[in-house]
Amino acid sequence: MPVDLSGPGILATRRIAPKGLRAGFWDEMAANGELYPLGVDLLLVAGPEIMGLPRSTTIAFSSESESGLHEENGLNQKDSSSNEGRS
């Protein structure tokens, strides 16, 4: 399921669709964000790729399909900003 991420350290938004997450995972992470400043930070790892998501990251559920996502080792992502650098 694709989700859109925004918040500190992310230019505009970033859409990701990691594979292999259990059902309800993103609901739990969205609820985690509501606990800010409490909660947990998240590291997603797929092969040599790693993405850190602090608890301050806003998670929005995307209504679009996964088409247009760039897949690298299972960590599908699409940067919607004009800057192609990683945040």
Protein backbone atom coordinates (compact mmCIF):
# COMPACT_ATOMS: atom_id res chain seq x y z
CA MET A 1 0.00 0.00 0.00
CA PRO A 2 1.54 3.33 -1.03
CA VAL A 3 1.78 6.04 1.61
CA ASP A 4 2.82 9.68 1.31
CA LEU A 5 5.33 10.97 3.83
CA SER A 6 5.93 14.58 4.81
CA GLY A 7 7.52 16.43 7.67
CA PRO A 8 10.93 17.60 8.84
CA GLY A 9 13.73 16.51 6.50
CA ILE A 10 11.41 15.65 3.58
CA LEU A 11 11.20 18.12 0.71
CA ALA A 12 7.53 18.35 -0.34
CA THR A 13 6.34 14.73 -0.01
CA ARG A 14 7.73 11.29 -0.66
CA ARG A 15 5.59 8.33 -1.69
CA ILE A 16 6.81 4.90 -0.62
CA ALA A 17 5.35 1.40 -0.88
CA PRO A 18 7.60 -1.02 0.99
CA LYS A 19 6.78 -4.69 0.56
CA GLY A 20 6.37 -7.33 3.23
CA LEU A 21 4.73 -5.25 5.97
CA ARG A 22 1.97 -6.85 8.00
CA ALA A 23 -1.63 -5.71 7.65
CA GLY A 24 -2.34 -2.64 9.77
CA PHE A 25 1.32 -1.57 9.93
CA TRP A 26 0.75 1.92 8.49
CA ASP A 27 -2.30 2.46 10.72
CA GLU A 28 -0.08 1.74 13.72
CA MET A 29 2.61 4.11 12.48
CA ALA A 30 0.07 6.88 11.86
CA ALA A 31 -1.22 6.42 15.43
CA ASN A 32 2.40 6.53 16.64
CA GLY A 33 2.74 10.00 15.09
CA GLU A 34 -0.26 11.22 17.04
CA LEU A 35 1.67 10.49 20.27
CA TYR A 36 4.40 13.02 19.38
CA PRO A 37 6.68 13.89 21.17
CA LEU A 38 6.32 10.35 22.55
CA GLY A 39 6.43 7.32 20.26
CA VAL A 40 9.08 5.46 18.32
CA ASP A 41 11.27 6.26 15.36
CA LEU A 42 11.26 3.80 12.47
CA LEU A 43 13.98 2.30 10.29
CA LEU A 44 12.93 0.49 7.11
CA VAL A 45 15.65 -1.74 5.65
CA ALA A 46 15.63 -3.62 2.34
CA GLY A 47 18.95 -5.04 1.19
CA PRO A 48 21.44 -2.15 1.05
CA GLU A 49 18.66 0.47 1.22
CA ILE A 50 17.69 2.11 4.51
CA MET A 51 15.12 4.79 5.28
CA GLY A 52 14.75 6.42 8.67
CA LEU A 53 11.36 7.86 9.63
CA PRO A 54 11.27 9.92 12.80
CA ARG A 55 8.10 9.96 14.89
CA SER A 56 7.44 13.50 13.59
CA THR A 57 6.84 12.15 10.04
CA THR A 58 3.28 12.64 8.81
CA ILE A 59 1.84 9.56 7.08
CA ALA A 60 -1.00 10.00 4.58
CA PHE A 61 -2.63 7.07 2.83
CA SER A 62 -2.38 7.34 -0.95
CA SER A 63 -5.35 6.57 -3.14
CA GLU A 64 -3.11 6.01 -6.17
CA SER A 65 -1.69 2.69 -7.27
CA GLU A 66 1.97 1.81 -7.00
CA SER A 67 2.62 2.70 -10.66
CA GLY A 68 5.34 5.25 -11.13
CA LEU A 69 7.24 4.13 -8.03
CA HIS A 70 10.95 3.44 -8.34
CA GLU A 71 11.80 0.05 -6.87
CA GLU A 72 15.15 -0.52 -5.23
CA ASN A 73 15.39 -3.74 -3.23
CA GLY A 74 11.76 -3.67 -2.14
CA LEU A 75 11.78 -0.08 -0.82
CA ASN A 76 9.57 1.46 -3.51
CA GLN A 77 9.69 5.24 -3.49
CA LYS A 78 8.78 8.30 -5.52
CA ASP A 79 10.06 11.76 -4.69
CA SER A 80 7.46 14.39 -5.55
CA SER A 81 9.82 17.32 -5.01
CA SER A 82 11.78 18.91 -7.83
CA ASN A 83 15.02 18.03 -6.04
CA GLU A 84 16.20 14.53 -6.91
CA GLY A 85 18.55 14.31 -3.90
CA ARG A 86 17.66 12.19 -0.93
CA SER A 87 16.37 13.91 2.17
